[in-house]
Amino acid sequence: MNFACMTSANVCTKKNVKTSKKISSATKARREFIRSHDFSIQIDPSGKCEIKVTKRGLNGGVKYL
């Protein structure tokens, strides 16, 4: 287990502290999906919510999902 001890000078640890972590493949896929699609959300006065997801095409074309 990794732990840190407070001293009067600096924080010292028994092991190296990781400052960054590799991104999982699921996170990479989710980010790519969000970057390649447009999302629009519309809420009507009755409270009904409609989400429209459109894929960005080449040369500005839009494809509806």
Protein backbone atom coordinates (compact mmCIF):
# COMPACT_ATOMS: atom_id res chain seq x y z
CA MET A 1 0.00 0.00 0.00
CA ASN A 2 1.26 3.47 -0.85
CA PHE A 3 1.32 6.07 1.91
CA ALA A 4 2.90 9.44 2.69
CA CYS A 5 4.45 10.76 5.89
CA MET A 6 4.34 14.47 6.76
CA THR A 7 7.62 16.01 7.88
CA SER A 8 8.60 19.56 8.68
CA ALA A 9 10.36 19.90 5.28
CA ASN A 10 8.58 17.95 2.53
CA VAL A 11 6.25 15.02 2.02
CA CYS A 12 8.12 11.74 1.71
CA THR A 13 6.76 8.44 0.40
CA LYS A 14 7.90 4.84 0.43
CA LYS A 15 7.08 4.34 -3.28
CA ASN A 16 6.97 6.56 -6.35
CA VAL A 17 3.79 8.61 -6.63
CA LYS A 18 2.06 8.32 -10.02
CA THR A 19 1.05 11.71 -11.36
CA SER A 20 -0.70 10.40 -14.46
CA LYS A 21 -2.45 7.23 -15.53
CA LYS A 22 -2.85 5.55 -18.93
CA ILE A 23 -6.22 6.17 -20.52
CA SER A 24 -8.28 3.01 -20.97
CA SER A 25 -9.45 1.93 -24.41
CA ALA A 26 -13.09 2.50 -23.36
CA THR A 27 -12.29 6.11 -22.43
CA LYS A 28 -10.47 6.65 -25.74
CA ALA A 29 -13.46 5.27 -27.67
CA ARG A 30 -15.90 7.46 -25.72
CA ARG A 31 -13.82 10.60 -26.38
CA GLU A 32 -13.58 9.77 -30.10
CA PHE A 33 -17.38 9.29 -30.27
CA ILE A 34 -18.01 12.65 -28.57
CA ARG A 35 -15.54 14.41 -30.88
CA SER A 36 -17.11 12.95 -34.03
CA HIS A 37 -20.76 13.68 -33.16
CA ASP A 38 -22.92 16.72 -32.43
CA PHE A 39 -25.44 16.60 -29.59
CA SER A 40 -28.54 18.75 -29.21
CA ILE A 41 -30.96 18.62 -26.29
CA GLN A 42 -34.46 20.08 -26.41
CA ILE A 43 -36.84 20.22 -23.47
CA ASP A 44 -40.45 21.19 -24.12
CA PRO A 45 -42.62 22.97 -21.51
CA SER A 46 -44.24 19.70 -20.43
CA GLY A 47 -40.82 18.38 -19.34
CA LYS A 48 -40.28 15.94 -22.19
CA CYS A 49 -36.60 15.75 -23.15
CA GLU A 50 -35.42 14.96 -26.68
CA ILE A 51 -31.76 14.31 -27.45
CA LYS A 52 -30.62 14.33 -31.06
CA VAL A 53 -27.22 12.85 -31.93
CA THR A 54 -25.80 13.63 -35.37
CA LYS A 55 -22.58 12.29 -36.82
CA ARG A 56 -20.27 14.82 -38.39
CA GLY A 57 -19.56 13.86 -41.98
CA LEU A 58 -16.75 14.87 -44.29
CA ASN A 59 -16.86 18.40 -45.68
CA GLY A 60 -19.41 19.50 -43.09
CA GLY A 61 -22.01 16.90 -44.03
CA VAL A 62 -24.28 15.63 -41.26
CA LYS A 63 -25.68 12.14 -40.91
CA TYR A 64 -28.58 11.51 -38.50
CA LEU A 65 -28.44 8.53 -36.18
